[in-house]
Amino acid sequence: MSIQITAEQEIRVGEATVVESVAPEGRYVVVFEDDEETGYFYALDTAADGNPIQDALHIYNVESVSDRDEPSVVAIGWSADSLKAMLLINDYPHAVFDFESKNGYCRTGFPPPMEEGDWACGSHDWEDEAVDLFE
């Protein structure tokens, strides 16, 4: 897997946290947020009119994380073409955004894609092939 890590931070699940990563080249940004109840991963297009958030992926519910009392390391990395971003927690891939095909993949498969907009296709279900986008 070829991935350029551009953001890394130790977190505690359930504590308010924001980890942002800008694509090495281009206009895309991804953000991981723990709002003390849930963890989400967002895809942003800074060139978009209006709201730059293009898609959102549910990563976890705080209450469901069995080791939430232990510190975790959140890392965000980009593909060589700066069109795909991956969220890793403790070196394990949890979510991928593919800005080129306008798809998002996460382990929870939630939420369903928005009904409107460019990213309103497919599902958010995890596919192991999403990791292959970084080879």
Protein backbone atom coordinates (compact mmCIF):
# COMPACT_ATOMS: atom_id res chain seq x y z
CA MET A 1 0.00 0.00 0.00
CA SER A 2 1.45 3.35 -1.07
CA ILE A 3 0.12 6.15 1.11
CA GLN A 4 1.53 9.51 2.12
CA ILE A 5 0.60 10.22 5.73
CA THR A 6 -0.12 13.94 6.07
CA ALA A 7 -1.74 14.10 9.51
CA GLU A 8 -1.28 12.01 12.63
CA GLN A 9 -2.53 12.59 16.15
CA GLU A 10 -2.98 10.63 19.35
CA ILE A 11 -6.58 10.85 20.53
CA ARG A 12 -8.84 9.50 23.22
CA VAL A 13 -12.15 8.27 21.85
CA GLY A 14 -14.94 10.38 23.29
CA GLU A 15 -12.86 13.54 23.69
CA ALA A 16 -13.59 16.39 21.26
CA THR A 17 -11.02 16.13 18.48
CA VAL A 18 -10.55 17.39 14.94
CA VAL A 19 -7.81 16.10 12.64
CA GLU A 20 -7.61 17.79 9.23
CA SER A 21 -5.54 16.86 6.20
CA VAL A 22 -5.11 18.79 2.97
CA ALA A 23 -4.27 16.87 -0.21
CA PRO A 24 -0.59 17.33 -1.11
CA GLU A 25 -1.74 18.60 -4.51
CA GLY A 26 -5.16 19.90 -5.44
CA ARG A 27 -8.18 21.32 -3.69
CA TYR A 28 -9.38 18.45 -1.51
CA VAL A 29 -9.45 18.24 2.27
CA VAL A 30 -10.56 15.49 4.65
CA VAL A 31 -11.43 15.89 8.31
CA PHE A 32 -11.83 13.37 11.11
CA GLU A 33 -14.00 14.58 13.98
CA ASP A 34 -14.88 13.04 17.34
CA ASP A 35 -17.69 15.15 18.81
CA GLU A 36 -17.70 13.19 22.10
CA GLU A 37 -20.56 10.95 20.90
CA THR A 38 -19.53 9.81 17.41
CA GLY A 39 -16.55 9.75 15.08
CA TYR A 40 -17.04 10.95 11.48
CA PHE A 41 -14.80 11.40 8.44
CA TYR A 42 -15.67 14.22 6.02
CA ALA A 43 -14.69 14.88 2.39
CA LEU A 44 -14.42 18.54 1.40
CA ASP A 45 -13.89 20.22 -1.95
CA THR A 46 -12.61 23.74 -1.38
CA ALA A 47 -13.62 24.74 -4.92
CA ALA A 48 -17.29 23.77 -4.41
CA ASP A 49 -19.93 26.48 -4.35
CA GLY A 50 -21.76 26.78 -1.05
CA ASN A 51 -21.03 23.95 1.37
CA PRO A 52 -17.62 22.38 0.72
CA ILE A 53 -18.64 19.11 2.49
CA GLN A 54 -19.19 16.55 -0.25
CA ASP A 55 -19.71 13.41 1.84
CA ALA A 56 -19.57 12.09 5.41
CA LEU A 57 -18.75 8.65 6.77
CA HIS A 58 -19.66 7.33 10.22
CA ILE A 59 -16.64 5.75 11.91
CA TYR A 60 -17.88 4.88 15.39
CA ASN A 61 -20.27 5.53 18.24
CA VAL A 62 -18.18 6.32 21.30
CA GLU A 63 -20.22 4.02 23.56
CA SER A 64 -19.54 1.07 21.22
CA VAL A 65 -15.74 1.37 21.28
CA SER A 66 -14.56 -1.24 23.77
CA ASP A 67 -11.06 0.19 24.29
CA ARG A 68 -12.10 3.86 24.39
CA ASP A 69 -10.15 4.39 27.62
CA GLU A 70 -6.89 3.65 25.81
CA PRO A 71 -5.19 6.24 23.58
CA SER A 72 -5.49 5.68 19.82
CA VAL A 73 -3.53 7.10 16.90
CA VAL A 74 -5.50 8.65 14.05
CA ALA A 75 -3.61 8.97 10.78
CA ILE A 76 -4.79 10.37 7.46
CA GLY A 77 -3.00 9.66 4.23
CA TRP A 78 -3.31 10.40 0.54
CA SER A 79 -2.64 8.48 -2.64
CA ALA A 80 0.14 9.61 -4.99
CA ASP A 81 -2.39 11.39 -7.24
CA SER A 82 -3.97 13.29 -4.27
CA LEU A 83 -7.42 12.01 -5.28
CA LYS A 84 -7.91 9.36 -2.59
CA ALA A 85 -7.72 9.73 1.19
CA MET A 86 -7.66 7.05 3.88
CA LEU A 87 -8.42 7.21 7.60
CA LEU A 88 -6.40 4.82 9.74
CA ILE A 89 -6.90 4.28 13.45
CA ASN A 90 -4.07 2.38 15.10
CA ASP A 91 -2.78 1.50 11.60
CA TYR A 92 -6.10 -0.11 10.63
CA PRO A 93 -8.01 1.33 7.64
CA HIS A 94 -11.46 2.54 8.69
CA ALA A 95 -12.53 4.72 5.76
CA VAL A 96 -11.57 5.80 2.24
CA PHE A 97 -12.72 8.69 0.08
CA ASP A 98 -12.17 8.47 -3.67
CA PHE A 99 -12.61 12.02 -4.96
CA GLU A 100 -12.14 10.86 -8.55
CA SER A 101 -15.09 8.43 -8.57
CA LYS A 102 -16.96 10.35 -5.82
CA ASN A 103 -17.30 7.32 -3.55
CA GLY A 104 -16.83 6.84 0.16
CA TYR A 105 -16.25 3.55 1.97
CA CYS A 106 -16.39 2.87 5.70
CA ARG A 107 -16.56 -0.14 8.00
CA THR A 108 -20.00 0.84 9.34
CA GLY A 109 -21.54 1.50 5.89
CA PHE A 110 -23.38 4.43 7.43
CA PRO A 111 -24.94 6.82 6.62
CA PRO A 112 -26.57 6.07 3.29
CA PRO A 113 -25.24 8.41 0.58
CA MET A 114 -27.04 11.70 0.20
CA GLU A 115 -29.95 11.60 -2.23
CA GLU A 116 -28.77 14.71 -4.02
CA GLY A 117 -25.42 15.93 -5.26
CA ASP A 118 -22.48 14.53 -7.15
CA TRP A 119 -21.67 11.95 -4.47
CA ALA A 120 -25.17 10.39 -4.46
CA CYS A 121 -24.15 7.08 -5.96
CA GLY A 122 -23.55 3.58 -4.67
CA SER A 123 -23.34 2.93 -0.94
CA HIS A 124 -20.87 3.57 1.85
CA ASP A 125 -20.36 -0.15 2.45
CA TRP A 126 -16.77 -1.17 3.04
CA GLU A 127 -15.01 -2.91 0.18
CA ASP A 128 -11.53 -4.36 0.65
CA GLU A 129 -10.75 -3.12 -2.85
CA ALA A 130 -10.83 0.46 -1.48
CA VAL A 131 -7.39 -0.16 0.02
CA ASP A 132 -6.18 -1.24 -3.44
CA LEU A 133 -6.73 2.33 -4.62
CA PHE A 134 -3.45 3.16 -2.84
CA GLU A 135 -1.25 0.72 -4.77
